[in-house]
Amino acid sequence: GKGSDVVESCVLARVKRWKFPANQLDG
């Protein structure tokens, strides 16, 4: 509660913008 929520929000915002390597699962 002393900044952890801010770190988590920032991490999620950055991860949501990433483009991971394409997977091999047939769609």
mmCIF file of all heavy atoms, coordinates in Angstrom:
data_MODEL
# 
_entry.id   MODEL 
# 
loop_
_atom_site.group_PDB 
_atom_site.id 
_atom_site.type_symbol 
_atom_site.label_atom_id 
_atom_site.label_alt_id 
_atom_site.label_comp_id 
_atom_site.label_asym_id 
_atom_site.label_entity_id 
_atom_site.label_seq_id 
_atom_site.pdbx_PDB_ins_code 
_atom_site.Cartn_x 
_atom_site.Cartn_y 
_atom_site.Cartn_z 
_atom_site.occupancy 
_atom_site.B_iso_or_equiv 
_atom_site.pdbx_formal_charge 
_atom_site.auth_seq_id 
_atom_site.auth_comp_id 
_atom_site.auth_asym_id 
_atom_site.auth_atom_id 
_atom_site.pdbx_PDB_model_num 
ATOM 1   N N   . GLY A 1 1  ? 0.787  -1.220  0.000   1.00 0.00 ? 1  GLY A N   1 
ATOM 2   C CA  . GLY A 1 1  ? 0.000  0.000   0.000   1.00 0.00 ? 1  GLY A CA  1 
ATOM 3   C C   . GLY A 1 1  ? 0.821  1.271   0.000   1.00 0.00 ? 1  GLY A C   1 
ATOM 4   O O   . GLY A 1 1  ? 0.280  2.347   -0.119  1.00 0.00 ? 1  GLY A O   1 
ATOM 5   N N   . LYS A 1 2  ? 2.122  1.175   0.147   1.00 0.00 ? 2  LYS A N   1 
ATOM 6   C CA  . LYS A 1 2  ? 2.972  2.364   0.159   1.00 0.00 ? 2  LYS A CA  1 
ATOM 7   C C   . LYS A 1 2  ? 3.795  2.415   -1.123  1.00 0.00 ? 2  LYS A C   1 
ATOM 8   O O   . LYS A 1 2  ? 5.008  2.386   -1.103  1.00 0.00 ? 2  LYS A O   1 
ATOM 9   C CB  . LYS A 1 2  ? 3.885  2.349   1.378   1.00 0.00 ? 2  LYS A CB  1 
ATOM 10  C CG  . LYS A 1 2  ? 3.114  2.428   2.682   1.00 0.00 ? 2  LYS A CG  1 
ATOM 11  C CD  . LYS A 1 2  ? 4.029  2.477   3.861   1.00 0.00 ? 2  LYS A CD  1 
ATOM 12  C CE  . LYS A 1 2  ? 3.209  2.548   5.135   1.00 0.00 ? 2  LYS A CE  1 
ATOM 13  N NZ  . LYS A 1 2  ? 4.050  2.583   6.315   1.00 0.00 ? 2  LYS A NZ  1 
ATOM 14  N N   . GLY A 1 3  ? 3.117  2.468   -2.239  1.00 0.00 ? 3  GLY A N   1 
ATOM 15  C CA  . GLY A 1 3  ? 3.794  2.551   -3.525  1.00 0.00 ? 3  GLY A CA  1 
ATOM 16  C C   . GLY A 1 3  ? 3.704  1.291   -4.358  1.00 0.00 ? 3  GLY A C   1 
ATOM 17  O O   . GLY A 1 3  ? 3.943  1.324   -5.557  1.00 0.00 ? 3  GLY A O   1 
ATOM 18  N N   . SER A 1 4  ? 3.355  0.161   -3.739  1.00 0.00 ? 4  SER A N   1 
ATOM 19  C CA  . SER A 1 4  ? 3.291  -1.087  -4.503  1.00 0.00 ? 4  SER A CA  1 
ATOM 20  C C   . SER A 1 4  ? 2.226  -1.010  -5.592  1.00 0.00 ? 4  SER A C   1 
ATOM 21  O O   . SER A 1 4  ? 2.439  -1.518  -6.701  1.00 0.00 ? 4  SER A O   1 
ATOM 22  C CB  . SER A 1 4  ? 3.024  -2.275  -3.581  1.00 0.00 ? 4  SER A CB  1 
ATOM 23  O OG  . SER A 1 4  ? 1.802  -2.110  -2.885  1.00 0.00 ? 4  SER A OG  1 
ATOM 24  N N   . ASP A 1 5  ? 1.102  -0.361  -5.293  1.00 0.00 ? 5  ASP A N   1 
ATOM 25  C CA  . ASP A 1 5  ? 0.046  -0.241  -6.296  1.00 0.00 ? 5  ASP A CA  1 
ATOM 26  C C   . ASP A 1 5  ? 0.514  0.614   -7.481  1.00 0.00 ? 5  ASP A C   1 
ATOM 27  O O   . ASP A 1 5  ? 0.168  0.337   -8.629  1.00 0.00 ? 5  ASP A O   1 
ATOM 28  C CB  . ASP A 1 5  ? -1.230 0.323   -5.688  1.00 0.00 ? 5  ASP A CB  1 
ATOM 29  C CG  . ASP A 1 5  ? -1.028 1.634   -4.937  1.00 0.00 ? 5  ASP A CG  1 
ATOM 30  O OD1 . ASP A 1 5  ? 0.115  1.940   -4.548  1.00 0.00 ? 5  ASP A OD1 1 
ATOM 31  O OD2 . ASP A 1 5  ? -2.022 2.354   -4.729  1.00 0.00 ? 5  ASP A OD2 1 
ATOM 32  N N   . VAL A 1 6  ? 1.342  1.610   -7.210  1.00 0.00 ? 6  VAL A N   1 
ATOM 33  C CA  . VAL A 1 6  ? 1.869  2.459   -8.275  1.00 0.00 ? 6  VAL A CA  1 
ATOM 34  C C   . VAL A 1 6  ? 2.843  1.669   -9.146  1.00 0.00 ? 6  VAL A C   1 
ATOM 35  O O   . VAL A 1 6  ? 2.801  1.746   -10.377 1.00 0.00 ? 6  VAL A O   1 
ATOM 36  C CB  . VAL A 1 6  ? 2.559  3.721   -7.688  1.00 0.00 ? 6  VAL A CB  1 
ATOM 37  C CG1 . VAL A 1 6  ? 3.207  4.552   -8.777  1.00 0.00 ? 6  VAL A CG1 1 
ATOM 38  C CG2 . VAL A 1 6  ? 1.568  4.541   -6.899  1.00 0.00 ? 6  VAL A CG2 1 
ATOM 39  N N   . VAL A 1 7  ? 3.712  0.882   -8.514  1.00 0.00 ? 7  VAL A N   1 
ATOM 40  C CA  . VAL A 1 7  ? 4.665  0.060   -9.266  1.00 0.00 ? 7  VAL A CA  1 
ATOM 41  C C   . VAL A 1 7  ? 3.906  -0.941  -10.130 1.00 0.00 ? 7  VAL A C   1 
ATOM 42  O O   . VAL A 1 7  ? 4.204  -1.091  -11.319 1.00 0.00 ? 7  VAL A O   1 
ATOM 43  C CB  . VAL A 1 7  ? 5.646  -0.677  -8.325  1.00 0.00 ? 7  VAL A CB  1 
ATOM 44  C CG1 . VAL A 1 7  ? 6.520  -1.649  -9.105  1.00 0.00 ? 7  VAL A CG1 1 
ATOM 45  C CG2 . VAL A 1 7  ? 6.508  0.306   -7.565  1.00 0.00 ? 7  VAL A CG2 1 
ATOM 46  N N   . GLU A 1 8  ? 2.922  -1.618  -9.555  1.00 0.00 ? 8  GLU A N   1 
ATOM 47  C CA  . GLU A 1 8  ? 2.160  -2.618  -10.307 1.00 0.00 ? 8  GLU A CA  1 
ATOM 48  C C   . GLU A 1 8  ? 1.427  -1.989  -11.485 1.00 0.00 ? 8  GLU A C   1 
ATOM 49  O O   . GLU A 1 8  ? 1.417  -2.554  -12.577 1.00 0.00 ? 8  GLU A O   1 
ATOM 50  C CB  . GLU A 1 8  ? 1.183  -3.350  -9.392  1.00 0.00 ? 8  GLU A CB  1 
ATOM 51  C CG  . GLU A 1 8  ? 1.865  -4.273  -8.415  1.00 0.00 ? 8  GLU A CG  1 
ATOM 52  C CD  . GLU A 1 8  ? 0.900  -4.967  -7.469  1.00 0.00 ? 8  GLU A CD  1 
ATOM 53  O OE1 . GLU A 1 8  ? -0.335 -4.796  -7.617  1.00 0.00 ? 8  GLU A OE1 1 
ATOM 54  O OE2 . GLU A 1 8  ? 1.377  -5.676  -6.575  1.00 0.00 ? 8  GLU A OE2 1 
ATOM 55  N N   . SER A 1 9  ? 0.828  -0.834  -11.287 1.00 0.00 ? 9  SER A N   1 
ATOM 56  C CA  . SER A 1 9  ? 0.121  -0.152  -12.384 1.00 0.00 ? 9  SER A CA  1 
ATOM 57  C C   . SER A 1 9  ? 1.081  0.217   -13.503 1.00 0.00 ? 9  SER A C   1 
ATOM 58  O O   . SER A 1 9  ? 0.773  0.056   -14.687 1.00 0.00 ? 9  SER A O   1 
ATOM 59  C CB  . SER A 1 9  ? -0.576 1.105   -11.875 1.00 0.00 ? 9  SER A CB  1 
ATOM 60  O OG  . SER A 1 9  ? -1.605 0.762   -10.999 1.00 0.00 ? 9  SER A OG  1 
ATOM 61  N N   . CYS A 1 10 ? 2.250  0.714   -13.135 1.00 0.00 ? 10 CYS A N   1 
ATOM 62  C CA  . CYS A 1 10 ? 3.262  1.081   -14.121 1.00 0.00 ? 10 CYS A CA  1 
ATOM 63  C C   . CYS A 1 10 ? 3.749  -0.147  -14.890 1.00 0.00 ? 10 CYS A C   1 
ATOM 64  O O   . CYS A 1 10 ? 3.853  -0.126  -16.120 1.00 0.00 ? 10 CYS A O   1 
ATOM 65  C CB  . CYS A 1 10 ? 4.428  1.779   -13.418 1.00 0.00 ? 10 CYS A CB  1 
ATOM 66  S SG  . CYS A 1 10 ? 5.797  2.240   -14.504 1.00 0.00 ? 10 CYS A SG  1 
ATOM 67  N N   . VAL A 1 11 ? 4.033  -1.235  -14.156 1.00 0.00 ? 11 VAL A N   1 
ATOM 68  C CA  . VAL A 1 11 ? 4.486  -2.476  -14.793 1.00 0.00 ? 11 VAL A CA  1 
ATOM 69  C C   . VAL A 1 11 ? 3.441  -2.959  -15.792 1.00 0.00 ? 11 VAL A C   1 
ATOM 70  O O   . VAL A 1 11 ? 3.761  -3.288  -16.942 1.00 0.00 ? 11 VAL A O   1 
ATOM 71  C CB  . VAL A 1 11 ? 4.807  -3.558  -13.736 1.00 0.00 ? 11 VAL A CB  1 
ATOM 72  C CG1 . VAL A 1 11 ? 4.929  -4.936  -14.365 1.00 0.00 ? 11 VAL A CG1 1 
ATOM 73  C CG2 . VAL A 1 11 ? 6.076  -3.203  -12.970 1.00 0.00 ? 11 VAL A CG2 1 
ATOM 74  N N   . LEU A 1 12 ? 2.177  -3.006  -15.378 1.00 0.00 ? 12 LEU A N   1 
ATOM 75  C CA  . LEU A 1 12 ? 1.120  -3.480  -16.276 1.00 0.00 ? 12 LEU A CA  1 
ATOM 76  C C   . LEU A 1 12 ? 0.972  -2.578  -17.496 1.00 0.00 ? 12 LEU A C   1 
ATOM 77  O O   . LEU A 1 12 ? 0.783  -3.069  -18.614 1.00 0.00 ? 12 LEU A O   1 
ATOM 78  C CB  . LEU A 1 12 ? -0.216 -3.587  -15.530 1.00 0.00 ? 12 LEU A CB  1 
ATOM 79  C CG  . LEU A 1 12 ? -0.303 -4.725  -14.520 1.00 0.00 ? 12 LEU A CG  1 
ATOM 80  C CD1 . LEU A 1 12 ? -1.619 -4.657  -13.758 1.00 0.00 ? 12 LEU A CD1 1 
ATOM 81  C CD2 . LEU A 1 12 ? -0.134 -6.079  -15.186 1.00 0.00 ? 12 LEU A CD2 1 
ATOM 82  N N   . ALA A 1 13 ? 1.058  -1.270  -17.313 1.00 0.00 ? 13 ALA A N   1 
ATOM 83  C CA  . ALA A 1 13 ? 0.943  -0.346  -18.445 1.00 0.00 ? 13 ALA A CA  1 
ATOM 84  C C   . ALA A 1 13 ? 2.055  -0.602  -19.460 1.00 0.00 ? 13 ALA A C   1 
ATOM 85  O O   . ALA A 1 13 ? 1.811  -0.601  -20.673 1.00 0.00 ? 13 ALA A O   1 
ATOM 86  C CB  . ALA A 1 13 ? 0.989  1.100   -17.959 1.00 0.00 ? 13 ALA A CB  1 
ATOM 87  N N   . ARG A 1 14 ? 3.247  -0.865  -18.972 1.00 0.00 ? 14 ARG A N   1 
ATOM 88  C CA  . ARG A 1 14 ? 4.370  -1.121  -19.892 1.00 0.00 ? 14 ARG A CA  1 
ATOM 89  C C   . ARG A 1 14 ? 4.227  -2.480  -20.580 1.00 0.00 ? 14 ARG A C   1 
ATOM 90  O O   . ARG A 1 14 ? 4.441  -2.597  -21.771 1.00 0.00 ? 14 ARG A O   1 
ATOM 91  C CB  . ARG A 1 14 ? 5.686  -0.988  -19.156 1.00 0.00 ? 14 ARG A CB  1 
ATOM 92  C CG  . ARG A 1 14 ? 5.924  0.480   -18.789 1.00 0.00 ? 14 ARG A CG  1 
ATOM 93  C CD  . ARG A 1 14 ? 7.197  0.712   -18.063 1.00 0.00 ? 14 ARG A CD  1 
ATOM 94  N NE  . ARG A 1 14 ? 7.267  2.118   -17.696 1.00 0.00 ? 14 ARG A NE  1 
ATOM 95  C CZ  . ARG A 1 14 ? 7.982  3.018   -18.357 1.00 0.00 ? 14 ARG A CZ  1 
ATOM 96  N NH1 . ARG A 1 14 ? 8.676  2.664   -19.406 1.00 0.00 ? 14 ARG A NH1 1 
ATOM 97  N NH2 . ARG A 1 14 ? 8.001  4.277   -17.949 1.00 0.00 ? 14 ARG A NH2 1 
ATOM 98  N N   . VAL A 1 15 ? 3.875  -3.499  -19.812 1.00 0.00 ? 15 VAL A N   1 
ATOM 99  C CA  . VAL A 1 15 ? 3.732  -4.842  -20.385 1.00 0.00 ? 15 VAL A CA  1 
ATOM 100 C C   . VAL A 1 15 ? 2.654  -4.855  -21.463 1.00 0.00 ? 15 VAL A C   1 
ATOM 101 O O   . VAL A 1 15 ? 2.816  -5.498  -22.506 1.00 0.00 ? 15 VAL A O   1 
ATOM 102 C CB  . VAL A 1 15 ? 3.431  -5.876  -19.276 1.00 0.00 ? 15 VAL A CB  1 
ATOM 103 C CG1 . VAL A 1 15 ? 2.986  -7.208  -19.858 1.00 0.00 ? 15 VAL A CG1 1 
ATOM 104 C CG2 . VAL A 1 15 ? 4.654  -6.056  -18.380 1.00 0.00 ? 15 VAL A CG2 1 
ATOM 105 N N   . LYS A 1 16 ? 1.562  -4.129  -21.252 1.00 0.00 ? 16 LYS A N   1 
ATOM 106 C CA  . LYS A 1 16 ? 0.470  -4.105  -22.229 1.00 0.00 ? 16 LYS A CA  1 
ATOM 107 C C   . LYS A 1 16 ? 0.887  -3.488  -23.560 1.00 0.00 ? 16 LYS A C   1 
ATOM 108 O O   . LYS A 1 16 ? 0.252  -3.733  -24.577 1.00 0.00 ? 16 LYS A O   1 
ATOM 109 C CB  . LYS A 1 16 ? -0.735 -3.365  -21.656 1.00 0.00 ? 16 LYS A CB  1 
ATOM 110 C CG  . LYS A 1 16 ? -1.441 -4.156  -20.574 1.00 0.00 ? 16 LYS A CG  1 
ATOM 111 C CD  . LYS A 1 16 ? -2.584 -3.373  -19.954 1.00 0.00 ? 16 LYS A CD  1 
ATOM 112 C CE  . LYS A 1 16 ? -3.248 -4.173  -18.847 1.00 0.00 ? 16 LYS A CE  1 
ATOM 113 N NZ  . LYS A 1 16 ? -4.329 -3.424  -18.205 1.00 0.00 ? 16 LYS A NZ  1 
ATOM 114 N N   . ARG A 1 17 ? 1.984  -2.732  -23.578 1.00 0.00 ? 17 ARG A N   1 
ATOM 115 C CA  . ARG A 1 17 ? 2.464  -2.137  -24.827 1.00 0.00 ? 17 ARG A CA  1 
ATOM 116 C C   . ARG A 1 17 ? 3.498  -3.005  -25.546 1.00 0.00 ? 17 ARG A C   1 
ATOM 117 O O   . ARG A 1 17 ? 3.878  -2.704  -26.670 1.00 0.00 ? 17 ARG A O   1 
ATOM 118 C CB  . ARG A 1 17 ? 3.086  -0.761  -24.550 1.00 0.00 ? 17 ARG A CB  1 
ATOM 119 C CG  . ARG A 1 17 ? 2.068  0.267   -24.122 1.00 0.00 ? 17 ARG A CG  1 
ATOM 120 C CD  . ARG A 1 17 ? 2.636  1.668   -24.120 1.00 0.00 ? 17 ARG A CD  1 
ATOM 121 N NE  . ARG A 1 17 ? 3.804  1.817   -23.277 1.00 0.00 ? 17 ARG A NE  1 
ATOM 122 C CZ  . ARG A 1 17 ? 3.836  2.483   -22.122 1.00 0.00 ? 17 ARG A CZ  1 
ATOM 123 N NH1 . ARG A 1 17 ? 2.747  3.068   -21.677 1.00 0.00 ? 17 ARG A NH1 1 
ATOM 124 N NH2 . ARG A 1 17 ? 4.946  2.583   -21.431 1.00 0.00 ? 17 ARG A NH2 1 
ATOM 125 N N   . TRP A 1 18 ? 3.960  -4.064  -24.894 1.00 0.00 ? 18 TRP A N   1 
ATOM 126 C CA  . TRP A 1 18 ? 4.987  -4.914  -25.496 1.00 0.00 ? 18 TRP A CA  1 
ATOM 127 C C   . TRP A 1 18 ? 4.428  -5.729  -26.661 1.00 0.00 ? 18 TRP A C   1 
ATOM 128 O O   . TRP A 1 18 ? 3.234  -6.007  -26.736 1.00 0.00 ? 18 TRP A O   1 
ATOM 129 C CB  . TRP A 1 18 ? 5.550  -5.885  -24.476 1.00 0.00 ? 18 TRP A CB  1 
ATOM 130 C CG  . TRP A 1 18 ? 6.368  -5.253  -23.383 1.00 0.00 ? 18 TRP A CG  1 
ATOM 131 C CD1 . TRP A 1 18 ? 6.767  -3.953  -23.288 1.00 0.00 ? 18 TRP A CD1 1 
ATOM 132 C CD2 . TRP A 1 18 ? 6.858  -5.909  -22.226 1.00 0.00 ? 18 TRP A CD2 1 
ATOM 133 N NE1 . TRP A 1 18 ? 7.491  -3.769  -22.137 1.00 0.00 ? 18 TRP A NE1 1 
ATOM 134 C CE2 . TRP A 1 18 ? 7.564  -4.950  -21.465 1.00 0.00 ? 18 TRP A CE2 1 
ATOM 135 C CE3 . TRP A 1 18 ? 6.778  -7.211  -21.747 1.00 0.00 ? 18 TRP A CE3 1 
ATOM 136 C CZ2 . TRP A 1 18 ? 8.185  -5.271  -20.266 1.00 0.00 ? 18 TRP A CZ2 1 
ATOM 137 C CZ3 . TRP A 1 18 ? 7.395  -7.518  -20.544 1.00 0.00 ? 18 TRP A CZ3 1 
ATOM 138 C CH2 . TRP A 1 18 ? 8.094  -6.554  -19.820 1.00 0.00 ? 18 TRP A CH2 1 
ATOM 139 N N   . LYS A 1 19 ? 5.314  -6.141  -27.541 1.00 0.00 ? 19 LYS A N   1 
ATOM 140 C CA  . LYS A 1 19 ? 4.985  -7.084  -28.618 1.00 0.00 ? 19 LYS A CA  1 
ATOM 141 C C   . LYS A 1 19 ? 5.917  -8.276  -28.433 1.00 0.00 ? 19 LYS A C   1 
ATOM 142 O O   . LYS A 1 19 ? 7.111  -8.184  -28.698 1.00 0.00 ? 19 LYS A O   1 
ATOM 143 C CB  . LYS A 1 19 ? 5.170  -6.446  -29.990 1.00 0.00 ? 19 LYS A CB  1 
ATOM 144 C CG  . LYS A 1 19 ? 5.053  -7.453  -31.095 1.00 0.00 ? 19 LYS A CG  1 
ATOM 145 C CD  . LYS A 1 19 ? 4.000  -7.106  -32.058 1.00 0.00 ? 19 LYS A CD  1 
ATOM 146 C CE  . LYS A 1 19 ? 4.076  -8.146  -33.170 1.00 0.00 ? 19 LYS A CE  1 
ATOM 147 N NZ  . LYS A 1 19 ? 2.887  -8.299  -33.863 1.00 0.00 ? 19 LYS A NZ  1 
ATOM 148 N N   . PHE A 1 20 ? 5.388  -9.358  -27.934 1.00 0.00 ? 20 PHE A N   1 
ATOM 149 C CA  . PHE A 1 20 ? 6.152  -10.574 -27.668 1.00 0.00 ? 20 PHE A CA  1 
ATOM 150 C C   . PHE A 1 20 ? 6.433  -11.313 -28.978 1.00 0.00 ? 20 PHE A C   1 
ATOM 151 O O   . PHE A 1 20 ? 5.771  -11.062 -29.986 1.00 0.00 ? 20 PHE A O   1 
ATOM 152 C CB  . PHE A 1 20 ? 5.358  -11.495 -26.736 1.00 0.00 ? 20 PHE A CB  1 
ATOM 153 C CG  . PHE A 1 20 ? 5.334  -11.059 -25.301 1.00 0.00 ? 20 PHE A CG  1 
ATOM 154 C CD1 . PHE A 1 20 ? 4.545  -9.992  -24.894 1.00 0.00 ? 20 PHE A CD1 1 
ATOM 155 C CD2 . PHE A 1 20 ? 6.088  -11.713 -24.348 1.00 0.00 ? 20 PHE A CD2 1 
ATOM 156 C CE1 . PHE A 1 20 ? 4.507  -9.587  -23.569 1.00 0.00 ? 20 PHE A CE1 1 
ATOM 157 C CE2 . PHE A 1 20 ? 6.059  -11.327 -23.012 1.00 0.00 ? 20 PHE A CE2 1 
ATOM 158 C CZ  . PHE A 1 20 ? 5.275  -10.258 -22.624 1.00 0.00 ? 20 PHE A CZ  1 
ATOM 159 N N   . PRO A 1 21 ? 7.369  -12.270 -28.951 1.00 0.00 ? 21 PRO A N   1 
ATOM 160 C CA  . PRO A 1 21 ? 7.569  -13.116 -30.130 1.00 0.00 ? 21 PRO A CA  1 
ATOM 161 C C   . PRO A 1 21 ? 6.274  -13.868 -30.462 1.00 0.00 ? 21 PRO A C   1 
ATOM 162 O O   . PRO A 1 21 ? 5.540  -14.262 -29.560 1.00 0.00 ? 21 PRO A O   1 
ATOM 163 C CB  . PRO A 1 21 ? 8.657  -14.101 -29.695 1.00 0.00 ? 21 PRO A CB  1 
ATOM 164 C CG  . PRO A 1 21 ? 9.349  -13.431 -28.544 1.00 0.00 ? 21 PRO A CG  1 
ATOM 165 C CD  . PRO A 1 21 ? 8.298  -12.594 -27.871 1.00 0.00 ? 21 PRO A CD  1 
ATOM 166 N N   . ALA A 1 22 ? 5.985  -14.043 -31.729 1.00 0.00 ? 22 ALA A N   1 
ATOM 167 C CA  . ALA A 1 22 ? 4.781  -14.762 -32.166 1.00 0.00 ? 22 ALA A CA  1 
ATOM 168 C C   . ALA A 1 22 ? 4.829  -16.196 -31.639 1.00 0.00 ? 22 ALA A C   1 
ATOM 169 O O   . ALA A 1 22 ? 5.894  -16.797 -31.526 1.00 0.00 ? 22 ALA A O   1 
ATOM 170 C CB  . ALA A 1 22 ? 4.686  -14.764 -33.684 1.00 0.00 ? 22 ALA A CB  1 
ATOM 171 N N   . ASN A 1 23 ? 3.635  -16.740 -31.295 1.00 0.00 ? 23 ASN A N   1 
ATOM 172 C CA  . ASN A 1 23 ? 3.605  -18.120 -30.797 1.00 0.00 ? 23 ASN A CA  1 
ATOM 173 C C   . ASN A 1 23 ? 3.312  -19.097 -31.930 1.00 0.00 ? 23 ASN A C   1 
ATOM 174 O O   . ASN A 1 23 ? 2.933  -18.704 -33.023 1.00 0.00 ? 23 ASN A O   1 
ATOM 175 C CB  . ASN A 1 23 ? 2.628  -18.261 -29.621 1.00 0.00 ? 23 ASN A CB  1 
ATOM 176 C CG  . ASN A 1 23 ? 1.164  -18.175 -30.018 1.00 0.00 ? 23 ASN A CG  1 
ATOM 177 O OD1 . ASN A 1 23 ? 0.734  -18.775 -31.000 1.00 0.00 ? 23 ASN A OD1 1 
ATOM 178 N ND2 . ASN A 1 23 ? 0.386  -17.446 -29.246 1.00 0.00 ? 23 ASN A ND2 1 
ATOM 179 N N   . GLN A 1 24 ? 3.448  -20.343 -31.625 1.00 0.00 ? 24 GLN A N   1 
ATOM 180 C CA  . GLN A 1 24 ? 3.296  -21.401 -32.625 1.00 0.00 ? 24 GLN A CA  1 
ATOM 181 C C   . GLN A 1 24 ? 2.069  -22.267 -32.341 1.00 0.00 ? 24 GLN A C   1 
ATOM 182 O O   . GLN A 1 24 ? 2.118  -23.477 -32.464 1.00 0.00 ? 24 GLN A O   1 
ATOM 183 C CB  . GLN A 1 24 ? 4.550  -22.290 -32.615 1.00 0.00 ? 24 GLN A CB  1 
ATOM 184 C CG  . GLN A 1 24 ? 5.863  -21.548 -32.716 1.00 0.00 ? 24 GLN A CG  1 
ATOM 185 C CD  . GLN A 1 24 ? 6.010  -20.804 -34.030 1.00 0.00 ? 24 GLN A CD  1 
ATOM 186 O OE1 . GLN A 1 24 ? 5.679  -21.347 -35.080 1.00 0.00 ? 24 GLN A OE1 1 
ATOM 187 N NE2 . GLN A 1 24 ? 6.506  -19.591 -33.983 1.00 0.00 ? 24 GLN A NE2 1 
ATOM 188 N N   . LEU A 1 25 ? 0.951  -21.663 -31.975 1.00 0.00 ? 25 LEU A N   1 
ATOM 189 C CA  . LEU A 1 25 ? -0.203 -22.434 -31.518 1.00 0.00 ? 25 LEU A CA  1 
ATOM 190 C C   . LEU A 1 25 ? -1.356 -22.466 -32.514 1.00 0.00 ? 25 LEU A C   1 
ATOM 191 O O   . LEU A 1 25 ? -2.498 -22.629 -32.126 1.00 0.00 ? 25 LEU A O   1 
ATOM 192 C CB  . LEU A 1 25 ? -0.692 -21.881 -30.179 1.00 0.00 ? 25 LEU A CB  1 
ATOM 193 C CG  . LEU A 1 25 ? 0.317  -21.955 -29.042 1.00 0.00 ? 25 LEU A CG  1 
ATOM 194 C CD1 . LEU A 1 25 ? -0.252 -21.317 -27.799 1.00 0.00 ? 25 LEU A CD1 1 
ATOM 195 C CD2 . LEU A 1 25 ? 0.707  -23.389 -28.762 1.00 0.00 ? 25 LEU A CD2 1 
ATOM 196 N N   . ASP A 1 26 ? -1.080 -22.294 -33.762 1.00 0.00 ? 26 ASP A N   1 
ATOM 197 C CA  . ASP A 1 26 ? -2.126 -22.377 -34.789 1.00 0.00 ? 26 ASP A CA  1 
ATOM 198 C C   . ASP A 1 26 ? -3.312 -21.474 -34.495 1.00 0.00 ? 26 ASP A C   1 
ATOM 199 O O   . ASP A 1 26 ? -4.463 -21.901 -34.503 1.00 0.00 ? 26 ASP A O   1 
ATOM 200 C CB  . ASP A 1 26 ? -2.600 -23.822 -34.971 1.00 0.00 ? 26 ASP A CB  1 
ATOM 201 C CG  . ASP A 1 26 ? -1.474 -24.738 -35.423 1.00 0.00 ? 26 ASP A CG  1 
ATOM 202 O OD1 . ASP A 1 26 ? -0.624 -24.284 -36.202 1.00 0.00 ? 26 ASP A OD1 1 
ATOM 203 O OD2 . ASP A 1 26 ? -1.459 -25.891 -34.979 1.00 0.00 ? 26 ASP A OD2 1 
ATOM 204 N N   . GLY A 1 27 ? -3.053 -20.230 -34.194 1.00 0.00 ? 27 GLY A N   1 
ATOM 205 C CA  . GLY A 1 27 ? -4.127 -19.271 -34.009 1.00 0.00 ? 27 GLY A CA  1 
ATOM 206 C C   . GLY A 1 27 ? -4.696 -19.156 -32.614 1.00 0.00 ? 27 GLY A C   1 
ATOM 207 O O   . GLY A 1 27 ? -5.596 -18.373 -32.378 1.00 0.00 ? 27 GLY A O   1 
# 
